[in-house]
Amino acid sequence: MKVFYIIVTLLWHSPAPSNDPSFQITHLNGKPLFFTSKEACLKHVSENRKYIRMFVDSYYEGKATSNNIVCDSFEFTPVSLGKGKYERHI
């Protein structure tokens, strides 16, 4: 099953090869956060853009800032949710 999740692209204040170019949000309060349509994902992003930006900016403690927030898809399997897990507590 194809599902959508949130990706935040980053702007690094001191770029380095080891810096990730993006931040994936796949969980909310310890539970998987994904959407069955791109439209539903984009609606969630639109309604929560301020909080998503605040979370990502605080996660990197001033070393990076959020640039763009998009929705991307992946093929859902129980194993796929464990990769790159970042919890969002707002």
Protein backbone atom coordinates (compact mmCIF):
# COMPACT_ATOMS: atom_id res chain seq x y z
CA MET A 1 0.00 0.00 0.00
CA LYS A 2 1.35 3.43 -0.95
CA VAL A 3 1.33 5.99 1.88
CA PHE A 4 2.61 9.54 2.28
CA TYR A 5 4.77 11.10 4.97
CA ILE A 6 6.23 14.53 5.70
CA ILE A 7 9.72 15.59 4.60
CA VAL A 8 11.29 18.88 5.63
CA THR A 9 14.24 20.08 3.56
CA LEU A 10 16.95 21.79 5.58
CA LEU A 11 19.22 24.79 5.23
CA TRP A 12 22.42 24.24 7.20
CA HIS A 13 24.20 27.26 8.69
CA SER A 14 27.57 25.44 8.42
CA PRO A 15 27.18 22.86 5.64
CA ALA A 16 29.16 19.61 5.95
CA PRO A 17 29.11 16.37 3.92
CA SER A 18 27.70 14.47 6.91
CA ASN A 19 24.63 16.74 7.21
CA ASP A 20 21.34 15.24 6.09
CA PRO A 21 19.60 17.35 3.43
CA SER A 22 16.16 16.55 4.85
CA PHE A 23 14.27 15.47 7.94
CA GLN A 24 11.54 12.84 7.74
CA ILE A 25 8.59 13.00 10.11
CA THR A 26 7.11 9.52 10.37
CA HIS A 27 5.75 9.53 13.93
CA LEU A 28 3.61 11.78 16.11
CA ASN A 29 3.56 11.19 19.88
CA GLY A 30 5.05 7.71 19.45
CA LYS A 31 2.54 6.59 16.81
CA PRO A 32 3.11 6.26 13.06
CA LEU A 33 2.17 9.41 11.15
CA PHE A 34 1.33 8.74 7.53
CA PHE A 35 -1.48 9.52 5.12
CA THR A 36 -3.31 7.50 2.48
CA SER A 37 -3.33 10.39 -0.01
CA LYS A 38 -1.03 13.25 -0.91
CA GLU A 39 -3.92 15.67 -0.46
CA ALA A 40 -4.46 14.54 3.17
CA CYS A 41 -0.74 14.90 3.86
CA LEU A 42 -0.61 18.38 2.36
CA LYS A 43 -3.70 19.39 4.36
CA HIS A 44 -1.98 18.27 7.57
CA VAL A 45 1.17 20.20 6.60
CA SER A 46 -0.88 23.31 5.82
CA GLU A 47 -2.69 23.15 9.18
CA ASN A 48 0.50 22.43 11.17
CA ARG A 49 3.26 24.22 9.21
CA LYS A 50 4.16 26.50 12.13
CA TYR A 51 4.54 23.57 14.56
CA ILE A 52 6.47 21.43 12.08
CA ARG A 53 8.95 24.26 11.50
CA MET A 54 9.28 24.92 15.25
CA PHE A 55 9.97 21.26 15.95
CA VAL A 56 12.58 20.81 13.21
CA ASP A 57 14.32 24.09 14.05
CA SER A 58 14.51 23.18 17.75
CA TYR A 59 15.66 19.63 16.94
CA TYR A 60 18.77 20.99 15.21
CA GLU A 61 19.37 23.63 17.93
CA GLY A 62 20.14 26.48 15.55
CA LYS A 63 22.50 24.47 13.32
CA ALA A 64 19.88 24.16 10.58
CA THR A 65 16.54 25.66 9.74
CA SER A 66 13.58 24.23 7.89
CA ASN A 67 13.37 25.27 4.27
CA ASN A 68 10.52 23.51 2.52
CA ILE A 69 7.91 21.02 3.70
CA VAL A 70 6.68 18.42 1.23
CA CYS A 71 4.92 15.07 1.19
CA ASP A 72 6.56 12.01 -0.32
CA SER A 73 5.34 8.46 -0.74
CA PHE A 74 6.67 5.04 0.12
CA GLU A 75 5.40 1.49 -0.05
CA PHE A 76 4.03 0.69 3.41
CA THR A 77 5.34 -2.33 5.30
CA PRO A 78 5.71 -2.68 9.10
CA VAL A 79 9.51 -2.63 8.67
CA SER A 80 9.47 0.58 6.62
CA LEU A 81 8.20 2.62 9.56
CA GLY A 82 11.28 1.87 11.66
CA LYS A 83 13.73 3.42 9.19
CA GLY A 84 14.65 7.03 9.92
CA LYS A 85 12.15 7.34 12.78
CA TYR A 86 11.89 10.81 14.23
CA GLU A 87 9.18 11.51 16.77
CA ARG A 88 7.45 14.83 16.81
CA HIS A 89 6.32 16.01 20.25
CA ILE A 90 4.64 19.38 20.07
